[in-house]
Amino acid sequence: MAGAFAGLTAVVTGGSSGIGAAIAERLAGGGARVAVLDRDPDRAADGVLAVAADISDDASVRAAIQRVVDELGGIDILVNNAGIGAQGTVADNPDDEWARVLDVNVVGTARVSRAALPALRASRHAAIVNICSIVATAGLPNRVLYSASKGRCSP
């Protein structure tokens, strides 16, 4: 299939629904071989490699990335899309909630990128895309924790 992504292999975290599913669909429509890493891979679109992965768990991430490399032959594009939200003020969210959200939204991005780096370094077309939110620069009421976790993408 000809297209902007023809011949490339892409990985999309959180790609079974929402924005991630739309990204996976666009990449596949542009000719890419697409793997979706998700806690619920059964919801992934047809035509993608759906791989179960929990980005808060290093072993899960490494196994998922290895499966992609083994089955699709490498990785050219990594889209870090997976994330979770939280509501409340600074005072509302206890430390364990801060740790949970930051682990997925911030550390999870680094965890997946780190696992994919060997394959990306072998690609002549390597790219990492981190999906963010407008709340990184324009906070919303009762979304302080989510906003803080998305600040990693601020300009």
C-alpha atoms as a PDB file:
ATOM      1  CA  MET A   1       0.000   0.000   0.000  1.00  0.00           C
ATOM      2  CA  ALA A   2       1.371   3.369  -0.966  1.00  0.00           C
ATOM      3  CA  GLY A   3       1.210   6.206   1.491  1.00  0.00           C
ATOM      4  CA  ALA A   4       3.191   8.476   3.745  1.00  0.00           C
ATOM      5  CA  PHE A   5       3.998   5.595   6.107  1.00  0.00           C
ATOM      6  CA  ALA A   6       4.480   2.804   3.551  1.00  0.00           C
ATOM      7  CA  GLY A   7       7.106   0.320   4.642  1.00  0.00           C
ATOM      8  CA  LEU A   8       7.281   1.640   8.203  1.00  0.00           C
ATOM      9  CA  THR A   9       6.308  -0.077  11.445  1.00  0.00           C
ATOM     10  CA  ALA A  10       4.527   1.940  14.109  1.00  0.00           C
ATOM     11  CA  VAL A  11       3.688   1.239  17.740  1.00  0.00           C
ATOM     12  CA  VAL A  12       0.831   3.125  19.399  1.00  0.00           C
ATOM     13  CA  THR A  13       0.353   2.833  23.158  1.00  0.00           C
ATOM     14  CA  GLY A  14      -3.241   3.049  24.321  1.00  0.00           C
ATOM     15  CA  GLY A  15      -4.229   2.367  20.743  1.00  0.00           C
ATOM     16  CA  SER A  16      -7.385   0.339  21.264  1.00  0.00           C
ATOM     17  CA  SER A  17      -9.700   3.303  21.755  1.00  0.00           C
ATOM     18  CA  GLY A  18     -10.089   7.058  21.466  1.00  0.00           C
ATOM     19  CA  ILE A  19      -7.219   9.149  20.164  1.00  0.00           C
ATOM     20  CA  GLY A  20      -4.885   6.147  20.098  1.00  0.00           C
ATOM     21  CA  ALA A  21      -7.254   4.159  17.891  1.00  0.00           C
ATOM     22  CA  ALA A  22      -7.563   7.122  15.524  1.00  0.00           C
ATOM     23  CA  ILE A  23      -3.775   7.424  15.345  1.00  0.00           C
ATOM     24  CA  ALA A  24      -3.391   3.698  14.668  1.00  0.00           C
ATOM     25  CA  GLU A  25      -6.040   3.901  11.931  1.00  0.00           C
ATOM     26  CA  ARG A  26      -4.315   6.875  10.274  1.00  0.00           C
ATOM     27  CA  LEU A  27      -0.923   5.174  10.351  1.00  0.00           C
ATOM     28  CA  ALA A  28      -2.358   1.958   8.898  1.00  0.00           C
ATOM     29  CA  GLY A  29      -4.253   3.969   6.274  1.00  0.00           C
ATOM     30  CA  GLY A  30      -0.942   5.563   5.307  1.00  0.00           C
ATOM     31  CA  GLY A  31       0.630   2.172   4.722  1.00  0.00           C
ATOM     32  CA  ALA A  32       2.325   1.435   8.059  1.00  0.00           C
ATOM     33  CA  ARG A  33       2.346  -1.913   9.788  1.00  0.00           C
ATOM     34  CA  VAL A  34       0.823  -1.010  13.144  1.00  0.00           C
ATOM     35  CA  ALA A  35       1.077  -2.573  16.571  1.00  0.00           C
ATOM     36  CA  VAL A  36      -1.203  -1.418  19.358  1.00  0.00           C
ATOM     37  CA  LEU A  37      -0.062  -1.805  22.972  1.00  0.00           C
ATOM     38  CA  ASP A  38      -3.000  -1.668  25.346  1.00  0.00           C
ATOM     39  CA  ARG A  39      -4.259  -3.141  28.611  1.00  0.00           C
ATOM     40  CA  ASP A  40      -7.342  -4.214  26.622  1.00  0.00           C
ATOM     41  CA  PRO A  41      -5.991  -5.248  23.201  1.00  0.00           C
ATOM     42  CA  ASP A  42      -9.195  -7.109  22.287  1.00  0.00           C
ATOM     43  CA  ARG A  43     -10.779  -3.745  21.445  1.00  0.00           C
ATOM     44  CA  ALA A  44      -8.099  -2.939  18.835  1.00  0.00           C
ATOM     45  CA  ALA A  45      -9.109  -2.508  15.212  1.00  0.00           C
ATOM     46  CA  ASP A  46      -8.724  -5.317  12.727  1.00  0.00           C
ATOM     47  CA  GLY A  47      -5.502  -5.294  10.768  1.00  0.00           C
ATOM     48  CA  VAL A  48      -3.222  -4.222  13.614  1.00  0.00           C
ATOM     49  CA  LEU A  49      -1.052  -6.362  15.834  1.00  0.00           C
ATOM     50  CA  ALA A  50      -2.831  -6.074  19.183  1.00  0.00           C
ATOM     51  CA  VAL A  51      -0.487  -6.678  22.119  1.00  0.00           C
ATOM     52  CA  ALA A  52      -1.435  -6.728  25.791  1.00  0.00           C
ATOM     53  CA  ALA A  53       0.768  -4.330  27.755  1.00  0.00           C
ATOM     54  CA  ASP A  54       0.626  -2.389  30.996  1.00  0.00           C
ATOM     55  CA  ILE A  55       2.927   0.610  30.629  1.00  0.00           C
ATOM     56  CA  SER A  56       3.234   0.864  34.403  1.00  0.00           C
ATOM     57  CA  ASP A  57       5.075  -2.495  34.395  1.00  0.00           C
ATOM     58  CA  ASP A  58       8.568  -2.652  32.894  1.00  0.00           C
ATOM     59  CA  ALA A  59       8.488  -6.412  32.221  1.00  0.00           C
ATOM     60  CA  SER A  60       5.139  -6.085  30.434  1.00  0.00           C
ATOM     61  CA  VAL A  61       6.462  -3.248  28.280  1.00  0.00           C
ATOM     62  CA  ARG A  62       9.680  -5.056  27.373  1.00  0.00           C
ATOM     63  CA  ALA A  63       7.795  -8.231  26.446  1.00  0.00           C
ATOM     64  CA  ALA A  64       5.317  -6.282  24.322  1.00  0.00           C
ATOM     65  CA  ILE A  65       8.033  -4.380  22.470  1.00  0.00           C
ATOM     66  CA  GLN A  66       9.960  -7.616  21.874  1.00  0.00           C
ATOM     67  CA  ARG A  67       6.835  -9.219  20.424  1.00  0.00           C
ATOM     68  CA  VAL A  68       6.413  -6.284  18.033  1.00  0.00           C
ATOM     69  CA  VAL A  69      10.030  -6.534  16.908  1.00  0.00           C
ATOM     70  CA  ASP A  70       9.772 -10.325  16.498  1.00  0.00           C
ATOM     71  CA  GLU A  71       6.489 -10.238  14.570  1.00  0.00           C
ATOM     72  CA  LEU A  72       6.844  -7.033  12.552  1.00  0.00           C
ATOM     73  CA  GLY A  73      10.610  -6.891  12.140  1.00  0.00           C
ATOM     74  CA  GLY A  74      11.430  -3.643  13.935  1.00  0.00           C
ATOM     75  CA  ILE A  75      10.032  -0.282  14.953  1.00  0.00           C
ATOM     76  CA  ASP A  76      10.246   2.973  13.043  1.00  0.00           C
ATOM     77  CA  ILE A  77       7.623   5.062  14.836  1.00  0.00           C
ATOM     78  CA  LEU A  78       6.638   5.060  18.500  1.00  0.00           C
ATOM     79  CA  VAL A  79       3.535   7.000  19.523  1.00  0.00           C
ATOM     80  CA  ASN A  80       3.314   7.381  23.312  1.00  0.00           C
ATOM     81  CA  ASN A  81      -0.405   7.954  23.681  1.00  0.00           C
ATOM     82  CA  ALA A  82      -1.486   5.885  26.702  1.00  0.00           C
ATOM     83  CA  GLY A  83      -2.498   7.851  29.747  1.00  0.00           C
ATOM     84  CA  ILE A  84      -4.908   8.048  32.632  1.00  0.00           C
ATOM     85  CA  GLY A  85      -6.749  10.959  34.185  1.00  0.00           C
ATOM     86  CA  ALA A  86      -7.449  12.122  37.706  1.00  0.00           C
ATOM     87  CA  GLN A  87      -9.787  14.671  39.185  1.00  0.00           C
ATOM     88  CA  GLY A  88      -9.415  16.928  42.188  1.00  0.00           C
ATOM     89  CA  THR A  89      -7.291  19.651  43.678  1.00  0.00           C
ATOM     90  CA  VAL A  90      -3.794  19.315  45.103  1.00  0.00           C
ATOM     91  CA  ALA A  91      -5.345  18.568  48.480  1.00  0.00           C
ATOM     92  CA  ASP A  92      -7.825  16.009  47.115  1.00  0.00           C
ATOM     93  CA  ASN A  93      -5.382  13.476  45.673  1.00  0.00           C
ATOM     94  CA  PRO A  94      -3.323  11.381  48.102  1.00  0.00           C
ATOM     95  CA  ASP A  95       0.279  10.439  47.354  1.00  0.00           C
ATOM     96  CA  ASP A  96      -0.637   7.012  45.988  1.00  0.00           C
ATOM     97  CA  GLU A  97      -2.917   8.615  43.365  1.00  0.00           C
ATOM     98  CA  TRP A  98      -0.140  11.047  42.388  1.00  0.00           C
ATOM     99  CA  ALA A  99       2.263   8.126  42.086  1.00  0.00           C
ATOM    100  CA  ARG A 100      -0.185   6.073  39.987  1.00  0.00           C
ATOM    101  CA  VAL A 101      -0.959   8.851  37.483  1.00  0.00           C
ATOM    102  CA  LEU A 102       2.640  10.051  37.188  1.00  0.00           C
ATOM    103  CA  ASP A 103       3.839   6.458  36.762  1.00  0.00           C
ATOM    104  CA  VAL A 104       1.563   5.922  33.777  1.00  0.00           C
ATOM    105  CA  ASN A 105       1.602   9.375  32.174  1.00  0.00           C
ATOM    106  CA  VAL A 106       5.234  10.337  32.727  1.00  0.00           C
ATOM    107  CA  VAL A 107       7.330   7.314  33.666  1.00  0.00           C
ATOM    108  CA  GLY A 108       5.304   5.088  31.326  1.00  0.00           C
ATOM    109  CA  THR A 109       6.296   7.279  28.400  1.00  0.00           C
ATOM    110  CA  ALA A 110       9.967   6.941  29.342  1.00  0.00           C
ATOM    111  CA  ARG A 111       9.565   3.208  30.026  1.00  0.00           C
ATOM    112  CA  VAL A 112       8.124   2.477  26.559  1.00  0.00           C
ATOM    113  CA  SER A 113      10.609   4.776  24.825  1.00  0.00           C
ATOM    114  CA  ARG A 114      13.515   3.101  26.614  1.00  0.00           C
ATOM    115  CA  ALA A 115      12.308  -0.379  25.645  1.00  0.00           C
ATOM    116  CA  ALA A 116      11.846   0.653  22.001  1.00  0.00           C
ATOM    117  CA  LEU A 117      15.173   2.509  21.664  1.00  0.00           C
ATOM    118  CA  PRO A 118      17.245  -0.412  20.322  1.00  0.00           C
ATOM    119  CA  ALA A 119      14.740  -1.010  17.517  1.00  0.00           C
ATOM    120  CA  LEU A 120      14.348   2.712  16.841  1.00  0.00           C
ATOM    121  CA  ARG A 121      18.120   3.192  16.668  1.00  0.00           C
ATOM    122  CA  ALA A 122      18.235   0.487  13.978  1.00  0.00           C
ATOM    123  CA  SER A 123      15.711   2.412  11.856  1.00  0.00           C
ATOM    124  CA  ARG A 124      16.662   5.045   9.302  1.00  0.00           C
ATOM    125  CA  HIS A 125      13.275   6.678   9.887  1.00  0.00           C
ATOM    126  CA  ALA A 126      13.012   6.638  13.684  1.00  0.00           C
ATOM    127  CA  ALA A 127      10.533   8.948  15.375  1.00  0.00           C
ATOM    128  CA  ILE A 128       8.992   9.192  18.828  1.00  0.00           C
ATOM    129  CA  VAL A 129       5.759  11.158  19.157  1.00  0.00           C
ATOM    130  CA  ASN A 130       4.439  11.971  22.637  1.00  0.00           C
ATOM    131  CA  ILE A 131       0.742  12.768  22.721  1.00  0.00           C
ATOM    132  CA  CYS A 132      -0.088  15.493  25.202  1.00  0.00           C
ATOM    133  CA  SER A 133      -3.026  17.579  26.304  1.00  0.00           C
ATOM    134  CA  ILE A 134      -3.925  21.243  26.265  1.00  0.00           C
ATOM    135  CA  VAL A 135      -4.003  21.003  30.067  1.00  0.00           C
ATOM    136  CA  ALA A 136      -0.204  21.003  29.970  1.00  0.00           C
ATOM    137  CA  THR A 137      -0.330  24.739  29.342  1.00  0.00           C
ATOM    138  CA  ALA A 138      -3.894  25.720  30.254  1.00  0.00           C
ATOM    139  CA  GLY A 139      -5.020  23.983  33.406  1.00  0.00           C
ATOM    140  CA  LEU A 140      -8.608  23.010  34.097  1.00  0.00           C
ATOM    141  CA  PRO A 141     -10.471  23.245  37.413  1.00  0.00           C
ATOM    142  CA  ASN A 142     -10.112  20.107  39.526  1.00  0.00           C
ATOM    143  CA  ARG A 143      -7.551  18.579  37.143  1.00  0.00           C
ATOM    144  CA  VAL A 144      -4.304  19.604  38.836  1.00  0.00           C
ATOM    145  CA  LEU A 145      -2.815  16.094  38.928  1.00  0.00           C
ATOM    146  CA  TYR A 146      -3.668  15.317  35.303  1.00  0.00           C
ATOM    147  CA  SER A 147      -2.344  18.742  34.263  1.00  0.00           C
ATOM    148  CA  ALA A 148       0.909  18.144  36.131  1.00  0.00           C
ATOM    149  CA  SER A 149       1.356  14.765  34.440  1.00  0.00           C
ATOM    150  CA  LYS A 150       0.923  16.268  30.984  1.00  0.00           C
ATOM    151  CA  GLY A 151       3.419  19.122  31.551  1.00  0.00           C
ATOM    152  CA  ARG A 152       6.183  16.879  30.189  1.00  0.00           C
ATOM    153  CA  CYS A 153       5.123  17.983  26.725  1.00  0.00           C
ATOM    154  CA  SER A 154       5.008  21.712  27.288  1.00  0.00           C
ATOM    155  CA  PRO A 155       7.008  23.872  24.869  1.00  0.00           C
END
